[in-house]
C-alpha atoms as a PDB file:
ATOM      1  CA  MET A   1      65.829 107.720  61.977  1.00  0.00           C
ATOM      2  CA  THR A   2      67.638 110.858  63.145  1.00  0.00           C
ATOM      3  CA  THR A   3      71.134 110.495  64.603  1.00  0.00           C
ATOM      4  CA  MET A   4      71.977 112.813  67.481  1.00  0.00           C
ATOM      5  CA  LEU A   5      74.988 113.493  69.699  1.00  0.00           C
ATOM      6  CA  ILE A   6      74.784 115.113  73.141  1.00  0.00           C
ATOM      7  CA  THR A   7      77.903 116.303  74.945  1.00  0.00           C
ATOM      8  CA  GLY A   8      78.133 115.862  78.694  1.00  0.00           C
ATOM      9  CA  ALA A   9      75.349 113.296  78.518  1.00  0.00           C
ATOM     10  CA  ASN A  10      76.470 110.886  81.212  1.00  0.00           C
ATOM     11  CA  ARG A  11      74.288 112.616  83.828  1.00  0.00           C
ATOM     12  CA  GLY A  12      71.820 115.422  84.509  1.00  0.00           C
ATOM     13  CA  LEU A  13      70.115 117.234  81.677  1.00  0.00           C
ATOM     14  CA  GLY A  14      72.188 115.535  78.990  1.00  0.00           C
ATOM     15  CA  TYR A  15      71.319 112.071  80.282  1.00  0.00           C
ATOM     16  CA  GLU A  16      67.602 112.838  80.529  1.00  0.00           C
ATOM     17  CA  ALA A  17      67.555 114.405  77.068  1.00  0.00           C
ATOM     18  CA  ALA A  18      69.238 111.293  75.687  1.00  0.00           C
ATOM     19  CA  ARG A  19      66.714 109.052  77.442  1.00  0.00           C
ATOM     20  CA  ARG A  20      63.766 110.976  76.035  1.00  0.00           C
ATOM     21  CA  LEU A  21      65.138 111.155  72.512  1.00  0.00           C
ATOM     22  CA  LEU A  22      65.948 107.453  72.503  1.00  0.00           C
ATOM     23  CA  ALA A  23      62.403 106.718  73.685  1.00  0.00           C
ATOM     24  CA  ASP A  24      61.131 108.716  70.715  1.00  0.00           C
ATOM     25  CA  GLY A  25      63.041 106.456  68.350  1.00  0.00           C
ATOM     26  CA  HIS A  26      66.172 108.482  67.627  1.00  0.00           C
ATOM     27  CA  ASP A  27      69.694 107.096  67.389  1.00  0.00           C
ATOM     28  CA  VAL A  28      71.649 108.858  70.153  1.00  0.00           C
ATOM     29  CA  TRP A  29      75.341 109.181  70.919  1.00  0.00           C
ATOM     30  CA  ILE A  30      76.227 109.913  74.529  1.00  0.00           C
ATOM     31  CA  ALA A  31      79.456 111.906  74.514  1.00  0.00           C
ATOM     32  CA  ALA A  32      81.372 112.279  77.771  1.00  0.00           C
ATOM     33  CA  ARG A  33      84.957 112.916  78.818  1.00  0.00           C
ATOM     34  CA  ASP A  34      84.838 110.186  81.477  1.00  0.00           C
ATOM     35  CA  GLY A  35      84.921 106.890  79.616  1.00  0.00           C
ATOM     36  CA  SER A  36      83.641 104.680  82.435  1.00  0.00           C
ATOM     37  CA  GLN A  37      80.749 106.956  83.393  1.00  0.00           C
ATOM     38  CA  GLY A  38      79.799 107.666  79.803  1.00  0.00           C
ATOM     39  CA  ARG A  39      79.900 104.040  78.776  1.00  0.00           C
ATOM     40  CA  ALA A  40      77.828 103.008  81.793  1.00  0.00           C
ATOM     41  CA  ALA A  41      75.212 105.654  80.982  1.00  0.00           C
ATOM     42  CA  ALA A  42      75.067 104.555  77.354  1.00  0.00           C
ATOM     43  CA  GLU A  43      74.683 100.897  78.299  1.00  0.00           C
ATOM     44  CA  THR A  44      71.888 101.730  80.726  1.00  0.00           C
ATOM     45  CA  LEU A  45      69.989 103.725  78.119  1.00  0.00           C
ATOM     46  CA  GLY A  46      70.804 101.618  75.072  1.00  0.00           C
ATOM     47  CA  ALA A  47      72.644 104.498  73.405  1.00  0.00           C
ATOM     48  CA  ARG A  48      75.919 104.703  71.515  1.00  0.00           C
ATOM     49  CA  PHE A  49      78.970 106.080  73.314  1.00  0.00           C
ATOM     50  CA  VAL A  50      81.987 108.119  72.306  1.00  0.00           C
ATOM     51  CA  VAL A  51      84.685 109.652  74.489  1.00  0.00           C
ATOM     52  CA  LEU A  52      84.664 113.414  73.975  1.00  0.00           C
ATOM     53  CA  ASP A  53      86.369 116.047  76.114  1.00  0.00           C
ATOM     54  CA  VAL A  54      85.141 119.416  74.844  1.00  0.00           C
ATOM     55  CA  THR A  55      88.312 121.109  76.143  1.00  0.00           C
ATOM     56  CA  ASP A  56      90.640 118.868  74.131  1.00  0.00           C
ATOM     57  CA  ASP A  57      91.022 119.412  70.366  1.00  0.00           C
ATOM     58  CA  LYS A  58      92.364 115.913  69.709  1.00  0.00           C
ATOM     59  CA  SER A  59      89.541 114.295  71.661  1.00  0.00           C
ATOM     60  CA  VAL A  60      86.926 116.288  69.756  1.00  0.00           C
ATOM     61  CA  VAL A  61      88.437 115.488  66.358  1.00  0.00           C
ATOM     62  CA  ALA A  62      88.708 111.789  67.228  1.00  0.00           C
ATOM     63  CA  ALA A  63      85.071 111.710  68.360  1.00  0.00           C
ATOM     64  CA  ALA A  64      83.931 113.327  65.127  1.00  0.00           C
ATOM     65  CA  GLU A  65      85.815 110.705  63.126  1.00  0.00           C
ATOM     66  CA  THR A  66      84.254 107.899  65.161  1.00  0.00           C
ATOM     67  CA  VAL A  67      80.759 109.241  64.532  1.00  0.00           C
ATOM     68  CA  ARG A  68      81.489 109.889  60.849  1.00  0.00           C
ATOM     69  CA  THR A  69      82.640 106.314  60.330  1.00  0.00           C
ATOM     70  CA  ALA A  70      79.776 104.718  62.246  1.00  0.00           C
ATOM     71  CA  THR A  71      76.634 106.716  61.525  1.00  0.00           C
ATOM     72  CA  GLY A  72      76.975 110.310  60.420  1.00  0.00           C
ATOM     73  CA  LEU A  73      75.110 113.027  62.298  1.00  0.00           C
ATOM     74  CA  ASP A  74      71.888 115.038  62.034  1.00  0.00           C
ATOM     75  CA  VAL A  75      71.634 116.799  65.389  1.00  0.00           C
ATOM     76  CA  LEU A  76      74.343 118.140  67.701  1.00  0.00           C
ATOM     77  CA  VAL A  77      73.457 119.177  71.257  1.00  0.00           C
ATOM     78  CA  ASN A  78      76.203 121.192  72.953  1.00  0.00           C
ATOM     79  CA  ASN A  79      75.212 120.476  76.534  1.00  0.00           C
ATOM     80  CA  ALA A  80      78.471 120.081  78.476  1.00  0.00           C
ATOM     81  CA  GLY A  81      79.052 122.894  80.944  1.00  0.00           C
ATOM     82  CA  ILE A  82      80.686 123.831  84.232  1.00  0.00           C
ATOM     83  CA  GLN A  83      80.443 126.655  86.763  1.00  0.00           C
ATOM     84  CA  GLU A  84      82.982 128.343  89.016  1.00  0.00           C
ATOM     85  CA  GLY A  85      81.363 127.266  92.273  1.00  0.00           C
ATOM     86  CA  ARG A  86      80.601 129.535  95.213  1.00  0.00           C
ATOM     87  CA  ILE A  87      83.325 132.087  94.523  1.00  0.00           C
ATOM     88  CA  PRO A  88      82.635 135.780  95.243  1.00  0.00           C
ATOM     89  CA  VAL A  89      82.950 138.009  92.194  1.00  0.00           C
ATOM     90  CA  SER A  90      85.894 139.763  93.873  1.00  0.00           C
ATOM     91  CA  GLU A  91      87.812 136.476  93.875  1.00  0.00           C
ATOM     92  CA  VAL A  92      87.129 135.424  90.287  1.00  0.00           C
ATOM     93  CA  ASP A  93      90.369 135.817  88.357  1.00  0.00           C
ATOM     94  CA  ALA A  94      91.395 135.228  84.761  1.00  0.00           C
ATOM     95  CA  GLU A  95      92.276 131.608  85.493  1.00  0.00           C
ATOM     96  CA  VAL A  96      88.774 130.863  86.754  1.00  0.00           C
ATOM     97  CA  MET A  97      87.221 132.711  83.832  1.00  0.00           C
ATOM     98  CA  GLY A  98      89.404 130.815  81.383  1.00  0.00           C
ATOM     99  CA  ARG A  99      88.501 127.430  82.851  1.00  0.00           C
ATOM    100  CA  VAL A 100      84.771 128.113  82.656  1.00  0.00           C
ATOM    101  CA  TYR A 101      84.974 129.618  79.174  1.00  0.00           C
ATOM    102  CA  ASP A 102      87.074 126.698  77.933  1.00  0.00           C
ATOM    103  CA  THR A 103      84.154 124.361  78.559  1.00  0.00           C
ATOM    104  CA  ASN A 104      81.116 126.631  78.162  1.00  0.00           C
ATOM    105  CA  VAL A 105      82.178 128.741  75.160  1.00  0.00           C
ATOM    106  CA  PHE A 106      85.289 127.374  73.484  1.00  0.00           C
ATOM    107  CA  GLY A 107      83.961 123.818  73.956  1.00  0.00           C
ATOM    108  CA  PRO A 108      80.871 124.343  71.790  1.00  0.00           C
ATOM    109  CA  VAL A 109      83.051 126.093  69.201  1.00  0.00           C
ATOM    110  CA  ARG A 110      85.501 123.170  69.103  1.00  0.00           C
ATOM    111  CA  VAL A 111      82.728 120.608  68.863  1.00  0.00           C
ATOM    112  CA  THR A 112      80.668 122.541  66.326  1.00  0.00           C
ATOM    113  CA  ARG A 113      83.647 123.114  64.066  1.00  0.00           C
ATOM    114  CA  ALA A 114      84.624 119.433  64.145  1.00  0.00           C
ATOM    115  CA  PHE A 115      81.112 118.150  63.457  1.00  0.00           C
ATOM    116  CA  LEU A 116      80.032 120.713  60.862  1.00  0.00           C
ATOM    117  CA  PRO A 117      81.215 118.552  57.921  1.00  0.00           C
ATOM    118  CA  LEU A 118      78.978 115.729  59.170  1.00  0.00           C
ATOM    119  CA  LEU A 119      76.005 118.006  59.758  1.00  0.00           C
ATOM    120  CA  GLU A 120      76.331 119.522  56.299  1.00  0.00           C
ATOM    121  CA  GLN A 121      75.780 116.047  54.844  1.00  0.00           C
ATOM    122  CA  SER A 122      72.447 115.714  56.688  1.00  0.00           C
ATOM    123  CA  SER A 123      69.150 116.538  55.000  1.00  0.00           C
ATOM    124  CA  ALA A 124      67.913 118.303  58.162  1.00  0.00           C
ATOM    125  CA  PRO A 125      70.872 119.401  60.305  1.00  0.00           C
ATOM    126  CA  VAL A 126      70.280 120.948  63.718  1.00  0.00           C
ATOM    127  CA  ILE A 127      72.497 122.367  66.466  1.00  0.00           C
ATOM    128  CA  VAL A 128      71.178 123.053  69.974  1.00  0.00           C
ATOM    129  CA  ASN A 129      73.353 125.062  72.361  1.00  0.00           C
ATOM    130  CA  VAL A 130      72.348 124.680  75.998  1.00  0.00           C
ATOM    131  CA  ALA A 131      72.662 128.204  77.366  1.00  0.00           C
ATOM    132  CA  SER A 132      70.882 129.720  80.396  1.00  0.00           C
ATOM    133  CA  GLY A 133      68.592 132.528  81.415  1.00  0.00           C
ATOM    134  CA  LEU A 134      71.602 133.637  83.435  1.00  0.00           C
ATOM    135  CA  GLY A 135      73.144 134.703  80.136  1.00  0.00           C
ATOM    136  CA  SER A 136      70.288 137.113  79.368  1.00  0.00           C
ATOM    137  CA  GLN A 137      70.739 140.754  80.343  1.00  0.00           C
ATOM    138  CA  THR A 138      66.961 141.199  80.448  1.00  0.00           C
ATOM    139  CA  VAL A 139      66.385 138.175  82.669  1.00  0.00           C
ATOM    140  CA  VAL A 140      69.154 138.833  85.213  1.00  0.00           C
ATOM    141  CA  ALA A 141      68.041 142.464  85.572  1.00  0.00           C
ATOM    142  CA  ASP A 142      64.441 141.507  86.442  1.00  0.00           C
ATOM    143  CA  PRO A 143      63.869 141.479  90.252  1.00  0.00           C
ATOM    144  CA  GLU A 144      60.905 139.148  89.709  1.00  0.00           C
ATOM    145  CA  ARG A 145      63.152 136.420  88.289  1.00  0.00           C
ATOM    146  CA  VAL A 146      65.207 133.997  90.374  1.00  0.00           C
ATOM    147  CA  GLU A 147      68.174 134.738  88.110  1.00  0.00           C
ATOM    148  CA  PHE A 148      68.267 138.305  89.475  1.00  0.00           C
ATOM    149  CA  HIS A 149      69.684 136.950  92.734  1.00  0.00           C
ATOM    150  CA  VAL A 150      72.553 135.016  91.134  1.00  0.00           C
ATOM    151  CA  ASN A 151      75.947 136.697  90.884  1.00  0.00           C
ATOM    152  CA  ALA A 152      78.277 134.283  89.098  1.00  0.00           C
ATOM    153  CA  LEU A 153      80.709 136.257  86.972  1.00  0.00           C
ATOM    154  CA  ALA A 154      82.283 133.433  84.977  1.00  0.00           C
ATOM    155  CA  TYR A 155      79.211 131.268  84.441  1.00  0.00           C
ATOM    156  CA  CYS A 156      76.741 134.035  83.607  1.00  0.00           C
ATOM    157  CA  SER A 157      79.084 135.792  81.196  1.00  0.00           C
ATOM    158  CA  SER A 158      80.014 132.499  79.531  1.00  0.00           C
ATOM    159  CA  LYS A 159      76.361 131.764  78.802  1.00  0.00           C
ATOM    160  CA  ALA A 160      75.918 135.286  77.429  1.00  0.00           C
ATOM    161  CA  ALA A 161      78.876 134.613  75.137  1.00  0.00           C
ATOM    162  CA  LEU A 162      77.335 131.303  74.044  1.00  0.00           C
ATOM    163  CA  LEU A 163      74.178 133.139  72.996  1.00  0.00           C
ATOM    164  CA  MET A 164      76.183 135.359  70.652  1.00  0.00           C
ATOM    165  CA  VAL A 165      78.137 132.345  69.403  1.00  0.00           C
ATOM    166  CA  THR A 166      74.775 130.800  68.520  1.00  0.00           C
ATOM    167  CA  THR A 167      73.673 133.924  66.656  1.00  0.00           C
ATOM    168  CA  GLN A 168      76.874 134.125  64.634  1.00  0.00           C
ATOM    169  CA  TYR A 169      76.799 130.459  63.635  1.00  0.00           C
ATOM    170  CA  ALA A 170      73.131 130.743  62.664  1.00  0.00           C
ATOM    171  CA  LYS A 171      73.953 133.680  60.372  1.00  0.00           C
ATOM    172  CA  ALA A 172      76.948 131.906  58.849  1.00  0.00           C
ATOM    173  CA  TYR A 173      75.161 128.590  58.225  1.00  0.00           C
ATOM    174  CA  PRO A 174      71.580 129.296  57.066  1.00  0.00           C
ATOM    175  CA  GLY A 175      71.229 125.682  55.958  1.00  0.00           C
ATOM    176  CA  ILE A 176      71.564 124.453  59.552  1.00  0.00           C
ATOM    177  CA  LYS A 177      68.973 125.221  62.239  1.00  0.00           C
ATOM    178  CA  ILE A 178      71.068 126.570  65.121  1.00  0.00           C
ATOM    179  CA  ASN A 179      69.358 127.646  68.339  1.00  0.00           C
ATOM    180  CA  ALA A 180      70.060 128.189  72.028  1.00  0.00           C
ATOM    181  CA  VAL A 181      67.865 126.995  74.889  1.00  0.00           C
ATOM    182  CA  ASP A 182      67.443 127.808  78.557  1.00  0.00           C
ATOM    183  CA  PRO A 183      66.636 124.657  80.562  1.00  0.00           C
ATOM    184  CA  GLY A 184      65.540 126.761  83.535  1.00  0.00           C
ATOM    185  CA  TYR A 185      66.371 126.221  87.194  1.00  0.00           C
ATOM    186  CA  THR A 186      66.311 122.438  87.349  1.00  0.00           C
ATOM    187  CA  ALA A 187      67.153 120.035  90.161  1.00  0.00           C
ATOM    188  CA  THR A 188      70.390 118.331  89.067  1.00  0.00           C
ATOM    189  CA  ASP A 189      73.845 117.520  90.463  1.00  0.00           C
ATOM    190  CA  PHE A 190      74.970 120.773  88.840  1.00  0.00           C
ATOM    191  CA  ASN A 191      73.193 122.855  91.515  1.00  0.00           C
ATOM    192  CA  GLY A 192      72.931 120.382  94.378  1.00  0.00           C
ATOM    193  CA  HIS A 193      69.393 119.471  93.290  1.00  0.00           C
ATOM    194  CA  SER A 194      68.158 122.865  94.441  1.00  0.00           C
ATOM    195  CA  GLY A 195      66.123 123.780  91.372  1.00  0.00           C
ATOM    196  CA  PRO A 196      62.300 123.685  91.472  1.00  0.00           C
ATOM    197  CA  GLN A 197      61.941 122.023  88.059  1.00  0.00           C
ATOM    198  CA  THR A 198      62.196 118.283  87.464  1.00  0.00           C
ATOM    199  CA  VAL A 199      64.905 117.053  85.144  1.00  0.00           C
ATOM    200  CA  THR A 200      62.204 116.183  82.622  1.00  0.00           C
ATOM    201  CA  GLU A 201      60.878 119.745  82.677  1.00  0.00           C
ATOM    202  CA  GLY A 202      64.441 120.986  82.356  1.00  0.00           C
ATOM    203  CA  THR A 203      64.925 119.047  79.140  1.00  0.00           C
ATOM    204  CA  ASP A 204      61.666 120.126  77.486  1.00  0.00           C
ATOM    205  CA  ALA A 205      63.335 122.927  75.506  1.00  0.00           C
ATOM    206  CA  ILE A 206      66.355 120.787  74.590  1.00  0.00           C
ATOM    207  CA  VAL A 207      64.205 117.979  73.238  1.00  0.00           C
ATOM    208  CA  ALA A 208      61.843 120.366  71.439  1.00  0.00           C
ATOM    209  CA  MET A 209      64.687 122.115  69.607  1.00  0.00           C
ATOM    210  CA  ALA A 210      66.503 118.875  68.830  1.00  0.00           C
ATOM    211  CA  VAL A 211      63.555 117.634  66.777  1.00  0.00           C
ATOM    212  CA  ILE A 212      62.566 120.818  64.903  1.00  0.00           C
ATOM    213  CA  GLY A 213      63.776 119.443  61.571  1.00  0.00           C
ATOM    214  CA  ARG A 214      64.399 121.395  58.392  1.00  0.00           C
ATOM    215  CA  ASP A 215      61.415 123.716  58.792  1.00  0.00           C
ATOM    216  CA  GLY A 216      62.185 124.902  62.303  1.00  0.00           C
ATOM    217  CA  PRO A 217      63.471 128.296  63.464  1.00  0.00           C
ATOM    218  CA  THR A 218      67.105 129.335  63.646  1.00  0.00           C
ATOM    219  CA  GLY A 219      69.043 131.879  65.683  1.00  0.00           C
ATOM    220  CA  THR A 220      66.528 131.822  68.545  1.00  0.00           C
ATOM    221  CA  PHE A 221      66.754 131.547  72.333  1.00  0.00           C
ATOM    222  CA  SER A 222      63.898 129.755  74.080  1.00  0.00           C
ATOM    223  CA  ASP A 223      62.871 127.864  77.199  1.00  0.00           C
ATOM    224  CA  ARG A 224      60.017 125.420  77.809  1.00  0.00           C
ATOM    225  CA  HIS A 225      57.535 128.316  77.759  1.00  0.00           C
ATOM    226  CA  GLY A 226      58.695 130.059  74.574  1.00  0.00           C
ATOM    227  CA  ILE A 227      61.118 132.751  73.456  1.00  0.00           C
ATOM    228  CA  VAL A 228      63.445 134.164  76.122  1.00  0.00           C
ATOM    229  CA  PRO A 229      64.441 137.857  75.851  1.00  0.00           C
ATOM    230  CA  TRP A 230      68.134 138.538  75.543  1.00  0.00           C
END
């Protein structure tokens, strides 16, 4: 049995990924900063639960210790993320950028660093970073793509940064399969359920990369259809 932890898994893509992975027989930790919501989600799914706020060092370290004591870890899915909302680029300041980066970039770094000792004890360690096509220069510059019409300074640049974070970790830890995925434009609370994909379709790439095992790729960026250009 493979033990997995998904951040921000009390709703949306994280919740659906947890549901699917549990159904496939994996042992899954739902990690969420809101204890009541996270615990309720875990109880509904039959998952484990740990409080984890990706913006808080002490919370992350405590969560890693809880998981270490209880089960150990094979797969980490850095899913938690936020956006700046409908703010024009001209009004995005350093405070907004910092808030978004604290969750979307520094969060995965905090969590990865804390859980690396556990992953290094696994026989087939995997890290999945949930990025976005909005972090790809090639994708956002293509008029044929829906991402071309999105102008979100903080969110888009944070996902671009997460892609490079993924690359650097993959180079530094060749024994761990570390990849980024693009869920695609999916109908969730995150976007007011405006996306054309179902939440199941949106988790296809997350689930696929979570179960690649020791022989899978590393340092890649993919969606449910295959490799995404950066």
